[in-house]
């Protein structure tokens, strides 16, 4: 049985962590499965009609903003077990950002009416949702400060550390990121260009702060990146 075929109770969705298997099974009956290919736009920024909440079964999505010059900034990357789309569903306002499939992914969808019924019936989910939204807000505030206050060198280093903290593995004093993001992806998170990221990554490698190839990125000196 693949991850895609597992019951939702076994998919490690933190949002449902306080519920019993029977309760989760009841919720799964009103969820709709959708598959998306890499680069598919799942949610459009400023969409006024969208009333859908999503939980990721597998794959990754990027939450992005697109400038008037068509420059893309990645605000966050969500993975298996994460959810998105809750803001517009809860307040009825247009989508605040676009969500684009970073890889092939499978999602569970809930329409607004179903989600509201679930939140009323299972307040534990509402509490968990608020906790997650608060953490995301704190992270967004940090990202705004980073983009406005730090040099481009500091922003790139901060993005590398952020990715390592999200999905890296610590071995002794090293942080290892398997299947590291592309330089373009890092650039879109740091608000700069791919060429600038390539130059800064080379500088960090020469200073023995990091090392990398196509398969992994290793932070050799985490303290220096913080500096």
N, C-alpha and C. Protein backbone atom coordinates (compact mmCIF):
# COMPACT_ATOMS: atom_id res chain seq x y z
N UNK A 1 0.85 -1.19 0.00
CA UNK A 1 0.00 0.00 0.00
C UNK A 1 0.89 1.24 0.00
N UNK A 2 0.68 2.17 -0.92
CA UNK A 2 1.47 3.40 -0.99
C UNK A 2 0.93 4.41 0.00
N UNK A 3 1.72 5.50 0.24
CA UNK A 3 1.27 6.58 1.12
C UNK A 3 -0.03 7.17 0.64
N UNK A 4 -0.19 7.22 -0.70
CA UNK A 4 -1.40 7.81 -1.29
C UNK A 4 -2.65 7.03 -0.92
N UNK A 5 -2.48 5.71 -0.69
CA UNK A 5 -3.64 4.85 -0.46
C UNK A 5 -3.96 4.66 1.02
N UNK A 6 -3.10 5.21 1.89
CA UNK A 6 -3.32 5.02 3.32
C UNK A 6 -4.58 5.76 3.77
N UNK A 7 -5.29 5.19 4.77
CA UNK A 7 -6.41 5.95 5.36
C UNK A 7 -5.88 7.25 5.94
N UNK A 8 -6.71 8.28 5.96
CA UNK A 8 -6.27 9.58 6.46
C UNK A 8 -5.78 9.51 7.90
N UNK A 9 -6.31 8.56 8.67
CA UNK A 9 -5.90 8.42 10.07
C UNK A 9 -4.44 8.02 10.20
N UNK A 10 -3.85 7.47 9.13
CA UNK A 10 -2.46 7.02 9.17
C UNK A 10 -1.53 7.94 8.38
N UNK A 11 -2.03 9.08 7.94
CA UNK A 11 -1.22 9.97 7.12
C UNK A 11 -0.47 11.03 7.93
N UNK A 12 -0.56 10.97 9.25
CA UNK A 12 0.16 11.90 10.12
C UNK A 12 -0.18 13.36 9.78
N UNK A 13 -1.46 13.68 9.83
CA UNK A 13 -1.91 15.06 9.61
C UNK A 13 -2.04 15.72 10.98
N UNK A 14 -1.13 16.62 11.35
CA UNK A 14 -1.17 17.22 12.69
C UNK A 14 -2.50 17.88 13.03
N UNK A 15 -3.18 18.41 12.02
CA UNK A 15 -4.45 19.08 12.24
C UNK A 15 -5.47 18.16 12.91
N UNK A 16 -5.39 16.85 12.65
CA UNK A 16 -6.35 15.89 13.19
C UNK A 16 -5.78 15.07 14.34
N UNK A 17 -4.66 15.51 14.90
CA UNK A 17 -3.95 14.70 15.89
C UNK A 17 -4.75 14.46 17.17
N UNK A 18 -5.70 15.34 17.49
CA UNK A 18 -6.45 15.17 18.73
C UNK A 18 -7.71 14.35 18.58
N UNK A 19 -7.94 13.77 17.39
CA UNK A 19 -9.17 13.03 17.12
C UNK A 19 -8.93 11.53 17.12
N UNK A 20 -9.99 10.78 17.33
CA UNK A 20 -9.92 9.32 17.26
C UNK A 20 -9.96 8.89 15.80
N UNK A 21 -9.60 7.63 15.56
CA UNK A 21 -9.64 7.10 14.19
C UNK A 21 -11.05 7.16 13.62
N UNK A 22 -12.05 6.88 14.45
CA UNK A 22 -13.44 6.93 13.98
C UNK A 22 -13.85 8.34 13.58
N UNK A 23 -13.41 9.33 14.36
CA UNK A 23 -13.72 10.73 14.05
C UNK A 23 -13.04 11.16 12.75
N UNK A 24 -11.78 10.76 12.60
CA UNK A 24 -11.05 11.10 11.38
C UNK A 24 -11.69 10.42 10.17
N UNK A 25 -12.13 9.19 10.36
CA UNK A 25 -12.79 8.46 9.27
C UNK A 25 -14.07 9.18 8.84
N UNK A 26 -14.82 9.71 9.79
CA UNK A 26 -16.04 10.45 9.46
C UNK A 26 -15.72 11.71 8.65
N UNK A 27 -14.64 12.38 9.02
CA UNK A 27 -14.23 13.59 8.29
C UNK A 27 -13.79 13.23 6.87
N UNK A 28 -13.05 12.13 6.74
CA UNK A 28 -12.52 11.74 5.43
C UNK A 28 -13.62 11.45 4.42
N UNK A 29 -14.81 11.09 4.91
CA UNK A 29 -15.91 10.78 3.99
C UNK A 29 -16.40 11.99 3.22
N UNK A 30 -16.18 13.19 3.76
CA UNK A 30 -16.65 14.39 3.05
C UNK A 30 -15.50 15.09 2.30
N UNK A 31 -14.33 14.48 2.34
CA UNK A 31 -13.18 15.07 1.64
C UNK A 31 -13.11 14.56 0.20
N UNK A 32 -12.61 15.40 -0.67
CA UNK A 32 -12.51 15.07 -2.09
C UNK A 32 -11.03 15.01 -2.47
N UNK A 33 -10.62 13.94 -3.12
CA UNK A 33 -9.22 13.79 -3.53
C UNK A 33 -8.99 14.44 -4.89
N UNK A 34 -7.89 15.19 -4.99
CA UNK A 34 -7.51 15.79 -6.27
C UNK A 34 -6.01 15.60 -6.47
N UNK A 35 -5.63 15.31 -7.71
CA UNK A 35 -4.21 15.20 -8.05
C UNK A 35 -3.80 16.38 -8.92
N UNK A 36 -2.56 16.85 -8.70
CA UNK A 36 -2.02 17.96 -9.48
C UNK A 36 -0.62 17.60 -9.95
N UNK A 37 -0.27 18.07 -11.13
CA UNK A 37 1.07 17.89 -11.66
C UNK A 37 1.95 19.06 -11.23
N UNK A 38 3.27 18.88 -11.29
CA UNK A 38 4.19 19.96 -10.95
C UNK A 38 3.89 21.18 -11.81
N UNK A 39 3.92 22.35 -11.17
CA UNK A 39 3.68 23.65 -11.80
C UNK A 39 2.21 23.97 -12.03
N UNK A 40 1.31 23.06 -11.67
CA UNK A 40 -0.12 23.39 -11.73
C UNK A 40 -0.44 24.46 -10.68
N UNK A 41 -1.27 25.42 -11.06
CA UNK A 41 -1.72 26.43 -10.11
C UNK A 41 -2.96 25.89 -9.39
N UNK A 42 -2.84 25.69 -8.10
CA UNK A 42 -3.93 25.12 -7.30
C UNK A 42 -4.86 26.22 -6.82
N UNK A 43 -4.27 27.32 -6.39
CA UNK A 43 -5.02 28.48 -5.89
C UNK A 43 -4.47 29.73 -6.55
N UNK A 44 -5.35 30.60 -7.03
CA UNK A 44 -4.95 31.86 -7.65
C UNK A 44 -5.06 33.00 -6.65
N UNK A 45 -4.01 33.81 -6.57
CA UNK A 45 -4.07 35.01 -5.74
C UNK A 45 -5.23 35.90 -6.20
N UNK A 46 -5.93 36.48 -5.24
CA UNK A 46 -7.06 37.40 -5.47
C UNK A 46 -8.31 36.69 -5.99
N UNK A 47 -8.30 35.36 -6.02
CA UNK A 47 -9.50 34.63 -6.44
C UNK A 47 -10.62 34.91 -5.43
N UNK A 48 -11.71 35.47 -5.91
CA UNK A 48 -12.81 35.87 -5.03
C UNK A 48 -13.83 34.75 -4.81
N UNK A 49 -13.79 33.74 -5.66
CA UNK A 49 -14.83 32.71 -5.60
C UNK A 49 -14.40 31.45 -4.87
N UNK A 50 -13.11 31.32 -4.62
CA UNK A 50 -12.60 30.07 -4.06
C UNK A 50 -13.06 29.89 -2.62
N UNK A 51 -13.63 28.75 -2.33
CA UNK A 51 -14.15 28.43 -1.00
C UNK A 51 -13.68 27.03 -0.58
N UNK A 52 -12.42 26.74 -0.86
CA UNK A 52 -11.92 25.38 -0.66
C UNK A 52 -10.72 25.36 0.26
N UNK A 53 -10.71 24.38 1.15
CA UNK A 53 -9.64 24.13 2.10
C UNK A 53 -8.91 22.86 1.67
N UNK A 54 -7.59 22.82 1.81
CA UNK A 54 -6.79 21.70 1.31
C UNK A 54 -5.90 21.10 2.39
N UNK A 55 -5.75 19.77 2.35
CA UNK A 55 -4.78 19.04 3.17
C UNK A 55 -3.90 18.24 2.20
N UNK A 56 -2.59 18.29 2.41
CA UNK A 56 -1.66 17.62 1.50
C UNK A 56 -1.47 16.16 1.91
N UNK A 57 -1.77 15.25 0.98
CA UNK A 57 -1.56 13.82 1.20
C UNK A 57 -0.13 13.46 0.84
N UNK A 58 0.35 13.95 -0.30
CA UNK A 58 1.74 13.72 -0.70
C UNK A 58 2.16 14.83 -1.65
N UNK A 59 3.47 15.05 -1.75
CA UNK A 59 4.00 16.08 -2.62
C UNK A 59 4.26 17.38 -1.88
N UNK A 60 4.66 18.41 -2.65
CA UNK A 60 4.96 19.72 -2.08
C UNK A 60 4.28 20.82 -2.89
N UNK A 61 3.91 21.90 -2.20
CA UNK A 61 3.35 23.07 -2.87
C UNK A 61 4.08 24.31 -2.38
N UNK A 62 4.16 25.34 -3.23
CA UNK A 62 4.75 26.62 -2.87
C UNK A 62 3.67 27.68 -2.78
N UNK A 63 3.70 28.44 -1.69
CA UNK A 63 2.82 29.60 -1.55
C UNK A 63 3.59 30.80 -2.10
N UNK A 64 3.06 31.47 -3.10
CA UNK A 64 3.83 32.48 -3.82
C UNK A 64 3.05 33.78 -4.02
N UNK A 65 3.83 34.85 -4.22
CA UNK A 65 3.30 36.14 -4.65
C UNK A 65 3.97 36.49 -5.96
N UNK A 66 3.21 37.09 -6.87
CA UNK A 66 3.73 37.48 -8.17
C UNK A 66 3.66 38.99 -8.29
N UNK A 67 4.82 39.63 -8.55
CA UNK A 67 4.87 41.09 -8.66
C UNK A 67 4.34 41.52 -10.02
N UNK A 68 4.18 42.83 -10.19
CA UNK A 68 3.72 43.37 -11.47
C UNK A 68 4.73 43.10 -12.58
N UNK A 69 6.00 42.88 -12.18
CA UNK A 69 7.04 42.56 -13.18
C UNK A 69 7.15 41.05 -13.39
N UNK A 70 6.14 40.30 -12.89
CA UNK A 70 6.10 38.83 -13.01
C UNK A 70 7.24 38.15 -12.25
N UNK A 71 7.76 38.81 -11.23
CA UNK A 71 8.78 38.22 -10.38
C UNK A 71 8.11 37.46 -9.25
N UNK A 72 8.48 36.20 -9.09
CA UNK A 72 7.83 35.35 -8.10
C UNK A 72 8.61 35.31 -6.81
N UNK A 73 7.90 35.45 -5.69
CA UNK A 73 8.50 35.31 -4.36
C UNK A 73 7.81 34.16 -3.64
N UNK A 74 8.59 33.19 -3.19
CA UNK A 74 8.05 32.04 -2.45
C UNK A 74 7.96 32.41 -0.97
N UNK A 75 6.76 32.40 -0.43
CA UNK A 75 6.54 32.73 0.97
C UNK A 75 6.70 31.53 1.88
N UNK A 76 6.32 30.35 1.38
CA UNK A 76 6.38 29.13 2.19
C UNK A 76 6.27 27.92 1.29
N UNK A 77 6.76 26.80 1.78
CA UNK A 77 6.61 25.52 1.10
C UNK A 77 5.92 24.57 2.06
N UNK A 78 4.83 23.95 1.62
CA UNK A 78 4.08 23.02 2.45
C UNK A 78 4.22 21.61 1.91
N UNK A 79 4.20 20.64 2.84
CA UNK A 79 4.41 19.24 2.48
C UNK A 79 3.33 18.36 3.09
N UNK A 80 3.52 17.06 2.93
CA UNK A 80 2.56 16.06 3.43
C UNK A 80 2.14 16.36 4.87
N UNK A 81 0.83 16.39 5.10
CA UNK A 81 0.29 16.66 6.43
C UNK A 81 -0.04 18.11 6.67
N UNK A 82 0.51 19.03 5.85
CA UNK A 82 0.21 20.46 6.00
C UNK A 82 -1.16 20.78 5.38
N UNK A 83 -1.69 21.93 5.75
CA UNK A 83 -2.95 22.39 5.16
C UNK A 83 -2.78 23.82 4.66
N UNK A 84 -3.67 24.24 3.76
CA UNK A 84 -3.66 25.63 3.29
C UNK A 84 -5.05 25.98 2.76
N UNK A 85 -5.25 27.28 2.54
CA UNK A 85 -6.53 27.75 2.02
C UNK A 85 -7.52 28.14 3.10
N UNK A 86 -7.09 28.08 4.37
CA UNK A 86 -8.03 28.30 5.47
C UNK A 86 -8.46 29.76 5.60
N UNK A 87 -7.60 30.71 5.25
CA UNK A 87 -7.93 32.12 5.49
C UNK A 87 -9.18 32.55 4.71
N UNK A 88 -9.18 32.28 3.41
CA UNK A 88 -10.32 32.70 2.59
C UNK A 88 -11.59 31.94 2.95
N UNK A 89 -11.42 30.70 3.36
CA UNK A 89 -12.59 29.90 3.75
C UNK A 89 -13.21 30.47 5.03
N UNK A 90 -12.36 30.92 5.95
CA UNK A 90 -12.85 31.41 7.22
C UNK A 90 -13.41 32.83 7.15
N UNK A 91 -12.73 33.73 6.39
CA UNK A 91 -13.18 35.13 6.39
C UNK A 91 -13.92 35.55 5.12
N UNK A 92 -13.96 34.67 4.12
CA UNK A 92 -14.69 34.98 2.90
C UNK A 92 -14.02 35.98 1.99
N UNK A 93 -12.79 36.39 2.32
CA UNK A 93 -12.05 37.36 1.50
C UNK A 93 -11.31 36.63 0.37
N UNK A 94 -10.87 37.39 -0.67
CA UNK A 94 -10.12 36.77 -1.78
C UNK A 94 -8.83 36.11 -1.28
N UNK A 95 -8.32 35.19 -2.06
CA UNK A 95 -7.07 34.52 -1.72
C UNK A 95 -5.95 35.55 -1.59
N UNK A 96 -5.09 35.40 -0.59
CA UNK A 96 -4.01 36.35 -0.34
C UNK A 96 -2.74 36.01 -1.10
N UNK A 97 -2.66 34.80 -1.64
CA UNK A 97 -1.47 34.37 -2.39
C UNK A 97 -1.86 33.22 -3.31
N UNK A 98 -0.99 32.93 -4.24
CA UNK A 98 -1.19 31.77 -5.11
C UNK A 98 -0.51 30.55 -4.48
N UNK A 99 -1.03 29.38 -4.80
CA UNK A 99 -0.40 28.13 -4.36
C UNK A 99 -0.15 27.29 -5.61
N UNK A 100 1.11 26.92 -5.82
CA UNK A 100 1.53 26.21 -7.03
C UNK A 100 2.16 24.88 -6.64
N UNK A 101 1.81 23.83 -7.34
CA UNK A 101 2.39 22.51 -7.06
C UNK A 101 3.88 22.53 -7.39
N UNK A 102 4.72 22.27 -6.40
CA UNK A 102 6.17 22.20 -6.63
C UNK A 102 6.57 20.85 -7.20
N UNK A 103 5.78 19.82 -6.87
CA UNK A 103 5.98 18.47 -7.39
C UNK A 103 4.60 17.92 -7.72
N UNK A 104 4.57 16.74 -8.28
CA UNK A 104 3.29 16.06 -8.41
C UNK A 104 2.73 15.86 -7.00
N UNK A 105 1.48 16.16 -6.79
CA UNK A 105 0.95 16.06 -5.44
C UNK A 105 -0.51 15.61 -5.44
N UNK A 106 -0.92 15.12 -4.30
CA UNK A 106 -2.30 14.70 -4.10
C UNK A 106 -2.85 15.42 -2.88
N UNK A 107 -4.03 16.00 -3.02
CA UNK A 107 -4.61 16.80 -1.96
C UNK A 107 -5.99 16.29 -1.60
N UNK A 108 -6.39 16.56 -0.36
CA UNK A 108 -7.75 16.34 0.08
C UNK A 108 -8.41 17.71 0.20
N UNK A 109 -9.60 17.86 -0.38
CA UNK A 109 -10.30 19.13 -0.41
C UNK A 109 -11.55 19.09 0.44
N UNK A 110 -11.83 20.22 1.09
CA UNK A 110 -13.07 20.40 1.84
C UNK A 110 -13.69 21.72 1.42
N UNK A 111 -14.97 21.71 1.09
CA UNK A 111 -15.66 22.96 0.79
C UNK A 111 -16.01 23.66 2.10
N UNK A 112 -16.25 24.96 2.02
CA UNK A 112 -16.44 25.79 3.19
C UNK A 112 -17.54 25.26 4.11
N UNK A 113 -18.66 24.88 3.56
CA UNK A 113 -19.78 24.42 4.39
C UNK A 113 -19.38 23.19 5.21
N UNK A 114 -18.65 22.26 4.57
CA UNK A 114 -18.21 21.05 5.28
C UNK A 114 -17.20 21.39 6.36
N UNK A 115 -16.25 22.28 6.03
CA UNK A 115 -15.23 22.64 7.01
C UNK A 115 -15.86 23.32 8.22
N UNK A 116 -16.79 24.23 8.01
CA UNK A 116 -17.40 24.93 9.12
C UNK A 116 -18.16 23.96 10.04
N UNK A 117 -18.83 22.98 9.45
CA UNK A 117 -19.54 21.97 10.24
C UNK A 117 -18.55 21.16 11.08
N UNK A 118 -17.41 20.83 10.48
CA UNK A 118 -16.39 20.04 11.19
C UNK A 118 -15.81 20.85 12.35
N UNK A 119 -15.53 22.13 12.11
CA UNK A 119 -14.96 22.98 13.16
C UNK A 119 -15.94 23.13 14.34
N UNK A 120 -17.22 23.21 14.03
CA UNK A 120 -18.22 23.31 15.10
C UNK A 120 -18.32 22.01 15.90
N UNK A 121 -18.19 20.91 15.20
CA UNK A 121 -18.34 19.60 15.86
C UNK A 121 -17.08 19.19 16.60
N UNK A 122 -15.90 19.57 16.04
CA UNK A 122 -14.63 19.16 16.63
C UNK A 122 -13.78 20.40 16.92
N UNK A 123 -14.02 21.09 18.02
CA UNK A 123 -13.29 22.32 18.33
C UNK A 123 -11.78 22.11 18.46
N UNK A 124 -11.35 20.86 18.72
CA UNK A 124 -9.91 20.60 18.79
C UNK A 124 -9.22 20.95 17.48
N UNK A 125 -9.92 20.74 16.36
CA UNK A 125 -9.35 21.07 15.05
C UNK A 125 -9.20 22.57 14.92
N UNK A 126 -10.20 23.32 15.38
CA UNK A 126 -10.14 24.78 15.32
C UNK A 126 -8.95 25.31 16.13
N UNK A 127 -8.72 24.72 17.31
CA UNK A 127 -7.60 25.14 18.16
C UNK A 127 -6.27 24.85 17.47
N UNK A 128 -6.15 23.64 16.90
CA UNK A 128 -4.92 23.27 16.21
C UNK A 128 -4.68 24.17 15.00
N UNK A 129 -5.76 24.53 14.32
CA UNK A 129 -5.65 25.42 13.16
C UNK A 129 -5.14 26.80 13.59
N UNK A 130 -5.66 27.31 14.72
CA UNK A 130 -5.23 28.60 15.23
C UNK A 130 -3.75 28.58 15.62
N UNK A 131 -3.32 27.49 16.25
CA UNK A 131 -1.92 27.36 16.64
C UNK A 131 -1.02 27.40 15.40
N UNK A 132 -1.40 26.65 14.37
CA UNK A 132 -0.61 26.61 13.14
C UNK A 132 -0.60 27.97 12.46
N UNK A 133 -1.75 28.63 12.41
CA UNK A 133 -1.82 29.95 11.78
C UNK A 133 -0.96 30.97 12.53
N UNK A 134 -0.91 30.87 13.86
CA UNK A 134 -0.08 31.77 14.66
C UNK A 134 1.40 31.55 14.36
N UNK A 135 1.80 30.29 14.24
CA UNK A 135 3.20 29.98 13.91
C UNK A 135 3.56 30.52 12.54
N UNK A 136 2.63 30.38 11.59
CA UNK A 136 2.89 30.89 10.25
C UNK A 136 3.01 32.41 10.23
N UNK A 137 2.18 33.06 11.04
CA UNK A 137 2.23 34.52 11.12
C UNK A 137 3.57 34.98 11.70
N UNK A 138 4.03 34.29 12.74
CA UNK A 138 5.34 34.63 13.31
C UNK A 138 6.44 34.47 12.27
N UNK A 139 6.33 33.38 11.51
CA UNK A 139 7.35 33.13 10.49
C UNK A 139 7.29 34.18 9.38
N UNK A 140 6.08 34.57 8.99
CA UNK A 140 5.93 35.60 7.97
C UNK A 140 6.52 36.93 8.44
N UNK A 141 6.28 37.27 9.70
CA UNK A 141 6.85 38.50 10.25
C UNK A 141 8.37 38.47 10.22
N UNK A 142 8.93 37.30 10.56
CA UNK A 142 10.39 37.15 10.52
C UNK A 142 10.90 37.30 9.09
N UNK A 143 10.17 36.72 8.13
CA UNK A 143 10.58 36.79 6.74
C UNK A 143 10.53 38.23 6.23
N UNK A 144 9.50 38.97 6.62
CA UNK A 144 9.39 40.37 6.22
C UNK A 144 10.57 41.17 6.77
N UNK A 145 10.91 40.94 8.05
CA UNK A 145 12.05 41.63 8.65
C UNK A 145 13.35 41.27 7.95
N UNK A 146 13.47 39.98 7.60
CA UNK A 146 14.68 39.52 6.92
C UNK A 146 14.83 40.20 5.57
N UNK A 147 13.74 40.26 4.79
CA UNK A 147 13.80 40.85 3.46
C UNK A 147 14.07 42.34 3.50
N UNK A 148 13.58 43.00 4.56
CA UNK A 148 13.71 44.46 4.63
C UNK A 148 15.01 44.91 5.29
N UNK A 149 15.55 44.10 6.21
CA UNK A 149 16.69 44.55 7.01
C UNK A 149 18.02 43.95 6.59
N UNK A 150 18.01 42.71 6.10
CA UNK A 150 19.26 42.01 5.82
C UNK A 150 19.80 42.32 4.43
N UNK A 151 21.11 42.17 4.30
CA UNK A 151 21.73 42.23 2.97
C UNK A 151 21.32 40.99 2.19
N UNK A 152 21.56 41.00 0.90
CA UNK A 152 21.19 39.85 0.08
C UNK A 152 21.99 38.61 0.54
N UNK A 153 23.23 38.81 0.96
CA UNK A 153 24.05 37.71 1.48
C UNK A 153 23.36 37.09 2.71
N UNK A 154 22.90 37.95 3.62
CA UNK A 154 22.23 37.47 4.82
C UNK A 154 20.92 36.78 4.51
N UNK A 155 20.19 37.29 3.51
CA UNK A 155 18.90 36.69 3.15
C UNK A 155 19.09 35.29 2.60
N UNK A 156 20.09 35.10 1.75
CA UNK A 156 20.35 33.78 1.18
C UNK A 156 20.77 32.81 2.28
N UNK A 157 21.65 33.26 3.17
CA UNK A 157 22.08 32.40 4.29
C UNK A 157 20.89 32.05 5.18
N UNK A 158 20.02 33.01 5.42
CA UNK A 158 18.85 32.77 6.27
C UNK A 158 17.90 31.76 5.63
N UNK A 159 17.72 31.83 4.31
CA UNK A 159 16.86 30.87 3.61
C UNK A 159 17.44 29.46 3.71
N UNK A 160 18.75 29.33 3.54
CA UNK A 160 19.39 28.02 3.65
C UNK A 160 19.17 27.44 5.06
N UNK A 161 19.33 28.26 6.08
CA UNK A 161 19.11 27.80 7.45
C UNK A 161 17.65 27.42 7.68
N UNK A 162 16.75 28.21 7.12
CA UNK A 162 15.31 27.94 7.27
C UNK A 162 14.95 26.60 6.65
N UNK A 163 15.47 26.32 5.46
CA UNK A 163 15.21 25.04 4.79
C UNK A 163 15.80 23.89 5.59
N UNK A 164 17.00 24.10 6.13
CA UNK A 164 17.65 23.06 6.93
C UNK A 164 16.84 22.75 8.19
N UNK A 165 16.30 23.78 8.82
CA UNK A 165 15.50 23.58 10.03
C UNK A 165 14.18 22.89 9.72
N UNK A 166 13.64 23.15 8.52
CA UNK A 166 12.37 22.55 8.13
C UNK A 166 12.50 21.07 7.79
N UNK A 167 13.52 20.74 7.02
CA UNK A 167 13.59 19.35 6.54
C UNK A 167 14.99 18.76 6.51
N UNK A 168 15.93 19.41 7.19
CA UNK A 168 17.29 18.88 7.25
C UNK A 168 17.45 17.85 8.37
N UNK A 169 18.54 17.14 8.32
CA UNK A 169 18.88 16.17 9.37
C UNK A 169 20.20 16.59 10.01
N UNK A 170 20.22 16.55 11.34
CA UNK A 170 21.44 16.92 12.05
C UNK A 170 22.27 15.68 12.33
N UNK A 171 23.51 15.71 11.90
CA UNK A 171 24.47 14.65 12.19
C UNK A 171 25.71 15.32 12.78
N UNK A 172 25.93 15.08 14.05
CA UNK A 172 27.00 15.74 14.78
C UNK A 172 26.79 17.26 14.68
N UNK A 173 27.78 17.98 14.17
CA UNK A 173 27.66 19.44 14.07
C UNK A 173 27.13 19.89 12.72
N UNK A 174 26.79 18.94 11.86
CA UNK A 174 26.37 19.29 10.51
C UNK A 174 24.86 19.20 10.34
N UNK A 175 24.33 20.03 9.46
CA UNK A 175 22.94 19.96 9.04
C UNK A 175 22.91 19.55 7.58
N UNK A 176 22.21 18.45 7.27
CA UNK A 176 22.23 17.89 5.91
C UNK A 176 20.84 18.00 5.29
N UNK A 177 20.79 18.60 4.11
CA UNK A 177 19.54 18.71 3.35
C UNK A 177 19.65 17.80 2.13
N UNK A 178 18.92 16.70 2.14
CA UNK A 178 18.89 15.83 0.98
C UNK A 178 17.95 16.40 -0.08
N UNK A 179 18.26 16.17 -1.34
CA UNK A 179 17.51 16.74 -2.45
C UNK A 179 17.30 18.24 -2.24
N UNK A 180 18.39 18.99 -2.22
CA UNK A 180 18.29 20.42 -1.91
C UNK A 180 17.53 21.19 -2.98
N UNK A 181 16.97 22.33 -2.60
CA UNK A 181 16.24 23.15 -3.58
C UNK A 181 17.20 23.73 -4.62
N UNK A 182 16.65 24.08 -5.76
CA UNK A 182 17.46 24.71 -6.80
C UNK A 182 17.85 26.12 -6.38
N UNK A 183 18.85 26.66 -7.06
CA UNK A 183 19.25 28.04 -6.79
C UNK A 183 18.11 29.00 -7.12
N UNK A 184 17.31 28.65 -8.12
CA UNK A 184 16.16 29.50 -8.47
C UNK A 184 15.15 29.53 -7.33
N UNK A 185 14.92 28.38 -6.73
CA UNK A 185 13.98 28.30 -5.60
C UNK A 185 14.48 29.15 -4.43
N UNK A 186 15.76 29.04 -4.11
CA UNK A 186 16.34 29.84 -3.03
C UNK A 186 16.22 31.32 -3.35
N UNK A 187 16.46 31.67 -4.62
CA UNK A 187 16.37 33.07 -5.04
C UNK A 187 14.96 33.61 -4.83
N UNK A 188 13.96 32.80 -5.15
CA UNK A 188 12.57 33.24 -5.01
C UNK A 188 12.16 33.36 -3.55
N UNK A 189 12.81 32.63 -2.67
CA UNK A 189 12.54 32.77 -1.24
C UNK A 189 13.29 33.97 -0.64
N UNK A 190 14.45 34.27 -1.21
CA UNK A 190 15.29 35.35 -0.67
C UNK A 190 15.04 36.69 -1.34
N UNK A 191 14.21 36.71 -2.37
CA UNK A 191 13.92 37.97 -3.05
C UNK A 191 15.09 38.49 -3.85
N UNK A 192 15.78 37.59 -4.56
CA UNK A 192 16.93 38.00 -5.36
C UNK A 192 16.95 37.19 -6.66
N UNK A 193 18.07 37.16 -7.36
CA UNK A 193 18.17 36.45 -8.63
C UNK A 193 18.94 35.14 -8.47
N UNK A 194 18.72 34.24 -9.41
CA UNK A 194 19.43 32.96 -9.38
C UNK A 194 20.94 33.16 -9.47
N UNK A 195 21.37 34.12 -10.30
CA UNK A 195 22.81 34.38 -10.47
C UNK A 195 23.44 34.83 -9.16
N UNK A 196 22.70 35.65 -8.41
CA UNK A 196 23.22 36.13 -7.12
C UNK A 196 23.34 34.98 -6.13
N UNK A 197 22.33 34.11 -6.11
CA UNK A 197 22.38 32.95 -5.21
C UNK A 197 23.56 32.05 -5.56
N UNK A 198 23.78 31.81 -6.84
CA UNK A 198 24.91 30.96 -7.27
C UNK A 198 26.24 31.56 -6.80
N UNK A 199 26.37 32.87 -6.92
CA UNK A 199 27.60 33.53 -6.49
C UNK A 199 27.79 33.43 -4.98
N UNK A 200 26.72 33.66 -4.21
CA UNK A 200 26.83 33.61 -2.75
C UNK A 200 27.07 32.18 -2.28
N UNK A 201 26.41 31.21 -2.89
CA UNK A 201 26.63 29.80 -2.53
C UNK A 201 28.09 29.42 -2.76
N UNK A 202 28.67 29.89 -3.85
CA UNK A 202 30.08 29.60 -4.13
C UNK A 202 30.98 30.22 -3.07
N UNK A 203 30.63 31.44 -2.63
CA UNK A 203 31.41 32.10 -1.58
C UNK A 203 31.33 31.31 -0.27
N UNK A 204 30.11 30.87 0.07
CA UNK A 204 29.92 30.10 1.30
C UNK A 204 30.69 28.78 1.25
N UNK A 205 30.75 28.19 0.06
CA UNK A 205 31.48 26.92 -0.10
C UNK A 205 32.98 27.15 0.04
N UNK A 206 33.50 28.23 -0.54
CA UNK A 206 34.93 28.54 -0.45
C UNK A 206 35.35 28.81 1.00
N UNK A 207 34.44 29.37 1.78
CA UNK A 207 34.73 29.66 3.18
C UNK A 207 34.54 28.43 4.07
N UNK A 208 34.12 27.31 3.46
CA UNK A 208 33.88 26.05 4.18
C UNK A 208 32.75 26.17 5.19
N UNK A 209 31.77 27.03 4.88
CA UNK A 209 30.56 27.12 5.70
C UNK A 209 29.55 26.06 5.25
N UNK A 210 29.54 25.77 3.95
CA UNK A 210 28.66 24.76 3.38
C UNK A 210 29.42 23.97 2.33
N UNK A 211 28.83 22.84 1.95
CA UNK A 211 29.27 22.11 0.76
C UNK A 211 28.02 21.54 0.12
N UNK A 212 28.04 21.35 -1.18
CA UNK A 212 26.82 20.89 -1.85
C UNK A 212 27.13 20.26 -3.20
N UNK A 213 26.22 19.40 -3.61
CA UNK A 213 26.17 18.88 -4.96
C UNK A 213 24.70 18.72 -5.31
N UNK A 214 24.39 17.99 -6.38
CA UNK A 214 22.99 17.87 -6.80
C UNK A 214 22.15 17.05 -5.82
N UNK A 215 22.80 16.19 -5.04
CA UNK A 215 22.06 15.28 -4.17
C UNK A 215 21.85 15.82 -2.76
N UNK A 216 22.74 16.69 -2.28
CA UNK A 216 22.57 17.17 -0.93
C UNK A 216 23.33 18.47 -0.71
N UNK A 217 22.88 19.20 0.30
CA UNK A 217 23.55 20.42 0.75
C UNK A 217 23.86 20.22 2.22
N UNK A 218 25.11 20.46 2.61
CA UNK A 218 25.54 20.25 3.99
C UNK A 218 26.00 21.58 4.57
N UNK A 219 25.39 21.95 5.70
CA UNK A 219 25.85 23.13 6.44
C UNK A 219 26.93 22.67 7.40
N UNK A 220 28.16 23.11 7.15
CA UNK A 220 29.30 22.66 7.94
C UNK A 220 29.50 23.53 9.18
N UNK A 221 29.13 24.81 9.04
CA UNK A 221 29.32 25.74 10.15
C UNK A 221 28.08 26.60 10.30
N UNK A 222 27.13 26.09 11.08
CA UNK A 222 25.84 26.77 11.26
C UNK A 222 26.03 28.15 11.91
N UNK A 223 26.94 28.25 12.87
CA UNK A 223 27.17 29.51 13.56
C UNK A 223 27.62 30.62 12.65
N UNK A 224 28.47 30.30 11.69
CA UNK A 224 28.95 31.32 10.74
C UNK A 224 27.83 31.82 9.86
N UNK A 225 26.90 30.95 9.50
CA UNK A 225 25.76 31.40 8.67
C UNK A 225 24.88 32.37 9.45
N UNK A 226 24.75 32.14 10.77
CA UNK A 226 23.98 33.06 11.59
C UNK A 226 24.64 34.42 11.67
N UNK A 227 25.98 34.43 11.59
CA UNK A 227 26.72 35.70 11.63
C UNK A 227 26.47 36.50 10.35
